[in-house]
Amino acid sequence: MKKTILAAALTAALAGSGSAFAASFEDELAAIKARLNQLEQQVKAQNQVIREKDREIAELRQTTEQNGGGTGEWFSGIEIGGVVEVEAGWSDPYEGDNTS
């Protein structure tokens, strides 16, 4: 009789914990699905930004090509210059030949 009562109590305890486990599993699954949806929305938003930046780059490239293939205005005021310096020397020692 004691074994029967113990078995019934154990079965009831396991059945109750099984439903609690199932509920926590369902809650965790719902949280994972919500996080997945949030991440998918972030990816969509980032993809839109990337497409917009690609469009801007294409427009800039087209504008550059229309302006002479790279002769843009940003360096039209730049001037390159330089200098060449030549030195000469002369020596007249007391003994020996002059050198230059």
N, C-alpha and C. Protein backbone atom coordinates (compact mmCIF):
# COMPACT_ATOMS: atom_id res chain seq x y z
N MET A 1 0.82 -1.18 0.00
CA MET A 1 0.00 0.00 0.00
C MET A 1 0.87 1.25 0.00
N LYS A 2 1.93 1.24 0.83
CA LYS A 2 2.81 2.40 0.88
C LYS A 2 3.50 2.61 -0.46
N LYS A 3 3.83 1.49 -1.13
CA LYS A 3 4.48 1.61 -2.43
C LYS A 3 3.52 2.23 -3.44
N THR A 4 2.26 1.91 -3.38
CA THR A 4 1.27 2.43 -4.31
C THR A 4 1.10 3.93 -4.10
N ILE A 5 1.03 4.35 -2.86
CA ILE A 5 0.88 5.77 -2.56
C ILE A 5 2.13 6.54 -2.98
N LEU A 6 3.28 5.95 -2.73
CA LEU A 6 4.54 6.59 -3.12
C LEU A 6 4.63 6.71 -4.65
N ALA A 7 4.23 5.67 -5.37
CA ALA A 7 4.27 5.70 -6.83
C ALA A 7 3.29 6.74 -7.37
N ALA A 8 2.12 6.83 -6.76
CA ALA A 8 1.12 7.81 -7.20
C ALA A 8 1.62 9.23 -6.94
N ALA A 9 2.25 9.45 -5.81
CA ALA A 9 2.77 10.77 -5.48
C ALA A 9 3.90 11.16 -6.43
N LEU A 10 4.75 10.20 -6.71
CA LEU A 10 5.86 10.45 -7.63
C LEU A 10 5.34 10.74 -9.04
N THR A 11 4.36 10.03 -9.50
CA THR A 11 3.77 10.24 -10.82
C THR A 11 3.13 11.62 -10.90
N ALA A 12 2.43 12.01 -9.83
CA ALA A 12 1.79 13.33 -9.81
C ALA A 12 2.84 14.43 -9.84
N ALA A 13 3.92 14.25 -9.11
CA ALA A 13 4.98 15.26 -9.07
C ALA A 13 5.65 15.39 -10.44
N LEU A 14 5.92 14.28 -11.10
CA LEU A 14 6.54 14.32 -12.41
C LEU A 14 5.60 14.91 -13.45
N ALA A 15 4.33 14.62 -13.37
CA ALA A 15 3.36 15.16 -14.32
C ALA A 15 3.26 16.68 -14.15
N GLY A 16 3.29 17.15 -12.92
CA GLY A 16 3.22 18.59 -12.66
C GLY A 16 4.47 19.30 -13.13
N SER A 17 5.63 18.70 -12.94
CA SER A 17 6.87 19.33 -13.37
C SER A 17 7.00 19.28 -14.88
N GLY A 18 6.42 18.28 -15.51
CA GLY A 18 6.46 18.18 -16.97
C GLY A 18 5.70 19.32 -17.61
N SER A 19 4.56 19.68 -17.06
CA SER A 19 3.80 20.79 -17.63
C SER A 19 4.51 22.12 -17.36
N ALA A 20 5.18 22.23 -16.22
CA ALA A 20 5.94 23.45 -15.93
C ALA A 20 7.13 23.55 -16.88
N PHE A 21 7.77 22.41 -17.17
CA PHE A 21 8.89 22.40 -18.12
C PHE A 21 8.40 22.77 -19.51
N ALA A 22 7.24 22.25 -19.88
CA ALA A 22 6.69 22.56 -21.20
C ALA A 22 6.36 24.05 -21.31
N ALA A 23 5.84 24.61 -20.24
CA ALA A 23 5.50 26.04 -20.26
C ALA A 23 6.77 26.88 -20.37
N SER A 24 7.81 26.53 -19.63
CA SER A 24 9.05 27.30 -19.72
C SER A 24 9.70 27.12 -21.10
N PHE A 25 9.57 25.93 -21.66
CA PHE A 25 10.08 25.67 -23.00
C PHE A 25 9.33 26.53 -24.03
N GLU A 26 8.03 26.61 -23.89
CA GLU A 26 7.22 27.42 -24.80
C GLU A 26 7.58 28.91 -24.67
N ASP A 27 7.80 29.36 -23.43
CA ASP A 27 8.19 30.75 -23.20
C ASP A 27 9.54 31.05 -23.84
N GLU A 28 10.47 30.13 -23.67
CA GLU A 28 11.80 30.32 -24.25
C GLU A 28 11.74 30.31 -25.77
N LEU A 29 10.94 29.43 -26.33
CA LEU A 29 10.77 29.37 -27.78
C LEU A 29 10.16 30.67 -28.31
N ALA A 30 9.19 31.21 -27.60
CA ALA A 30 8.57 32.47 -28.01
C ALA A 30 9.58 33.61 -27.94
N ALA A 31 10.43 33.62 -26.93
CA ALA A 31 11.46 34.65 -26.80
C ALA A 31 12.47 34.55 -27.94
N ILE A 32 12.84 33.34 -28.30
CA ILE A 32 13.79 33.13 -29.40
C ILE A 32 13.18 33.61 -30.71
N LYS A 33 11.90 33.31 -30.93
CA LYS A 33 11.23 33.76 -32.16
C LYS A 33 11.16 35.28 -32.22
N ALA A 34 10.88 35.91 -31.08
CA ALA A 34 10.81 37.37 -31.04
C ALA A 34 12.17 37.98 -31.35
N ARG A 35 13.23 37.42 -30.79
CA ARG A 35 14.59 37.91 -31.04
C ARG A 35 14.98 37.72 -32.51
N LEU A 36 14.59 36.59 -33.08
CA LEU A 36 14.87 36.32 -34.49
C LEU A 36 14.17 37.35 -35.37
N ASN A 37 12.92 37.67 -35.07
CA ASN A 37 12.20 38.69 -35.85
C ASN A 37 12.88 40.05 -35.73
N GLN A 38 13.33 40.38 -34.53
CA GLN A 38 14.02 41.66 -34.31
C GLN A 38 15.31 41.72 -35.14
N LEU A 39 16.08 40.64 -35.13
CA LEU A 39 17.32 40.60 -35.89
C LEU A 39 17.06 40.68 -37.40
N GLU A 40 16.01 40.03 -37.86
CA GLU A 40 15.67 40.09 -39.28
C GLU A 40 15.30 41.51 -39.68
N GLN A 41 14.61 42.24 -38.82
CA GLN A 41 14.27 43.63 -39.10
C GLN A 41 15.52 44.49 -39.16
N GLN A 42 16.48 44.25 -38.29
CA GLN A 42 17.74 44.99 -38.31
C GLN A 42 18.50 44.74 -39.60
N VAL A 43 18.51 43.49 -40.05
CA VAL A 43 19.21 43.15 -41.29
C VAL A 43 18.55 43.85 -42.47
N LYS A 44 17.21 43.88 -42.50
CA LYS A 44 16.51 44.56 -43.57
C LYS A 44 16.85 46.04 -43.59
N ALA A 45 16.89 46.66 -42.41
CA ALA A 45 17.22 48.08 -42.33
C ALA A 45 18.64 48.33 -42.81
N GLN A 46 19.58 47.48 -42.42
CA GLN A 46 20.97 47.64 -42.84
C GLN A 46 21.10 47.44 -44.35
N ASN A 47 20.35 46.50 -44.90
CA ASN A 47 20.40 46.28 -46.34
C ASN A 47 19.88 47.50 -47.09
N GLN A 48 18.87 48.17 -46.55
CA GLN A 48 18.37 49.38 -47.19
C GLN A 48 19.43 50.48 -47.17
N VAL A 49 20.13 50.61 -46.07
CA VAL A 49 21.20 51.61 -45.98
C VAL A 49 22.31 51.28 -46.98
N ILE A 50 22.66 50.02 -47.10
CA ILE A 50 23.71 49.61 -48.04
C ILE A 50 23.28 49.92 -49.47
N ARG A 51 22.03 49.62 -49.81
CA ARG A 51 21.55 49.91 -51.16
C ARG A 51 21.58 51.41 -51.44
N GLU A 52 21.22 52.22 -50.46
CA GLU A 52 21.24 53.68 -50.62
C GLU A 52 22.67 54.18 -50.82
N LYS A 53 23.61 53.66 -50.06
CA LYS A 53 25.02 54.07 -50.20
C LYS A 53 25.57 53.63 -51.56
N ASP A 54 25.20 52.43 -52.01
CA ASP A 54 25.63 51.97 -53.33
C ASP A 54 25.09 52.89 -54.43
N ARG A 55 23.84 53.36 -54.28
CA ARG A 55 23.25 54.26 -55.26
C ARG A 55 24.00 55.59 -55.25
N GLU A 56 24.34 56.11 -54.07
CA GLU A 56 25.08 57.36 -53.98
C GLU A 56 26.46 57.23 -54.62
N ILE A 57 27.12 56.11 -54.40
CA ILE A 57 28.44 55.88 -55.00
C ILE A 57 28.33 55.84 -56.52
N ALA A 58 27.30 55.17 -57.03
CA ALA A 58 27.11 55.10 -58.48
C ALA A 58 26.86 56.49 -59.06
N GLU A 59 26.09 57.31 -58.36
CA GLU A 59 25.85 58.68 -58.83
C GLU A 59 27.14 59.50 -58.84
N LEU A 60 27.94 59.37 -57.78
CA LEU A 60 29.22 60.09 -57.74
C LEU A 60 30.15 59.63 -58.86
N ARG A 61 30.18 58.34 -59.10
CA ARG A 61 31.04 57.80 -60.16
C ARG A 61 30.58 58.34 -61.52
N GLN A 62 29.27 58.37 -61.74
CA GLN A 62 28.74 58.87 -63.00
C GLN A 62 29.05 60.36 -63.16
N THR A 63 28.91 61.14 -62.10
CA THR A 63 29.22 62.56 -62.14
C THR A 63 30.69 62.78 -62.45
N THR A 64 31.55 61.99 -61.85
CA THR A 64 32.99 62.11 -62.09
C THR A 64 33.32 61.80 -63.54
N GLU A 65 32.70 60.76 -64.08
CA GLU A 65 32.96 60.41 -65.47
C GLU A 65 32.45 61.48 -66.42
N GLN A 66 31.34 62.12 -66.08
CA GLN A 66 30.80 63.19 -66.92
C GLN A 66 31.68 64.43 -66.88
N ASN A 67 32.43 64.62 -65.81
CA ASN A 67 33.29 65.79 -65.67
C ASN A 67 34.69 65.54 -66.20
N GLY A 68 34.86 64.59 -67.05
CA GLY A 68 36.17 64.38 -67.66
C GLY A 68 36.92 63.19 -67.14
N GLY A 69 36.26 62.27 -66.53
CA GLY A 69 36.90 61.04 -66.10
C GLY A 69 37.91 61.22 -65.00
N GLY A 70 37.60 61.99 -64.02
CA GLY A 70 38.50 62.12 -62.89
C GLY A 70 39.10 63.49 -62.72
N THR A 71 38.76 64.43 -63.61
CA THR A 71 39.28 65.79 -63.44
C THR A 71 38.25 66.59 -62.65
N GLY A 72 38.01 66.18 -61.44
CA GLY A 72 37.02 66.85 -60.60
C GLY A 72 37.51 68.20 -60.11
N GLU A 73 36.63 68.94 -59.49
CA GLU A 73 36.92 70.30 -59.05
C GLU A 73 37.77 70.35 -57.79
N TRP A 74 37.83 69.29 -57.03
CA TRP A 74 38.50 69.35 -55.73
C TRP A 74 39.99 69.61 -55.85
N PHE A 75 40.62 69.30 -56.98
CA PHE A 75 42.06 69.54 -57.09
C PHE A 75 42.39 70.52 -58.21
N SER A 76 41.40 71.28 -58.68
CA SER A 76 41.68 72.20 -59.78
C SER A 76 42.58 73.35 -59.33
N GLY A 77 42.64 73.66 -58.04
CA GLY A 77 43.48 74.74 -57.55
C GLY A 77 44.85 74.29 -57.07
N ILE A 78 45.19 73.04 -57.25
CA ILE A 78 46.48 72.53 -56.78
C ILE A 78 47.55 72.78 -57.84
N GLU A 79 48.69 73.24 -57.39
CA GLU A 79 49.81 73.50 -58.28
C GLU A 79 51.03 72.76 -57.75
N ILE A 80 51.76 72.12 -58.64
CA ILE A 80 52.95 71.38 -58.24
C ILE A 80 54.18 72.15 -58.71
N GLY A 81 55.13 72.34 -57.84
CA GLY A 81 56.34 73.07 -58.19
C GLY A 81 57.56 72.43 -57.56
N GLY A 82 58.72 72.91 -57.93
CA GLY A 82 59.94 72.38 -57.37
C GLY A 82 61.12 73.30 -57.65
N VAL A 83 62.26 72.96 -57.13
CA VAL A 83 63.46 73.77 -57.30
C VAL A 83 64.64 72.83 -57.50
N VAL A 84 65.57 73.25 -58.33
CA VAL A 84 66.82 72.51 -58.50
C VAL A 84 67.94 73.45 -58.07
N GLU A 85 68.77 73.01 -57.16
CA GLU A 85 69.84 73.84 -56.64
C GLU A 85 71.18 73.26 -57.07
N VAL A 86 72.03 74.10 -57.62
CA VAL A 86 73.35 73.68 -58.09
C VAL A 86 74.40 74.40 -57.25
N GLU A 87 75.40 73.67 -56.78
CA GLU A 87 76.47 74.25 -56.00
C GLU A 87 77.80 74.00 -56.70
N ALA A 88 78.69 74.93 -56.50
CA ALA A 88 80.04 74.77 -57.05
C ALA A 88 81.04 75.24 -56.00
N GLY A 89 82.22 74.71 -56.06
CA GLY A 89 83.26 75.09 -55.11
C GLY A 89 84.62 75.22 -55.81
N TRP A 90 85.49 75.98 -55.18
CA TRP A 90 86.83 76.17 -55.76
C TRP A 90 87.84 76.18 -54.63
N SER A 91 88.98 75.56 -54.84
CA SER A 91 90.00 75.50 -53.81
C SER A 91 91.34 75.82 -54.44
N ASP A 92 92.12 76.69 -53.73
CA ASP A 92 93.48 77.04 -54.19
C ASP A 92 94.44 76.79 -53.03
N PRO A 93 94.93 75.56 -52.91
CA PRO A 93 95.82 75.24 -51.80
C PRO A 93 97.21 75.88 -52.01
N TYR A 94 97.97 75.98 -50.91
CA TYR A 94 99.31 76.54 -50.94
C TYR A 94 100.20 75.68 -51.83
N GLU A 95 100.08 74.37 -51.67
CA GLU A 95 100.84 73.46 -52.51
C GLU A 95 99.86 72.63 -53.32
N GLY A 96 100.16 72.35 -54.50
CA GLY A 96 99.34 71.49 -55.32
C GLY A 96 98.49 72.27 -56.30
N ASP A 97 97.67 71.53 -57.01
CA ASP A 97 96.83 72.11 -58.06
C ASP A 97 95.54 72.71 -57.49
N ASN A 98 94.99 73.65 -58.23
CA ASN A 98 93.68 74.18 -57.91
C ASN A 98 92.60 73.15 -58.22
N THR A 99 91.57 73.12 -57.45
CA THR A 99 90.47 72.20 -57.74
C THR A 99 89.16 72.97 -57.74
N SER A 100 88.24 72.48 -58.54
CA SER A 100 86.92 73.12 -58.55
C SER A 100 85.86 72.05 -58.63
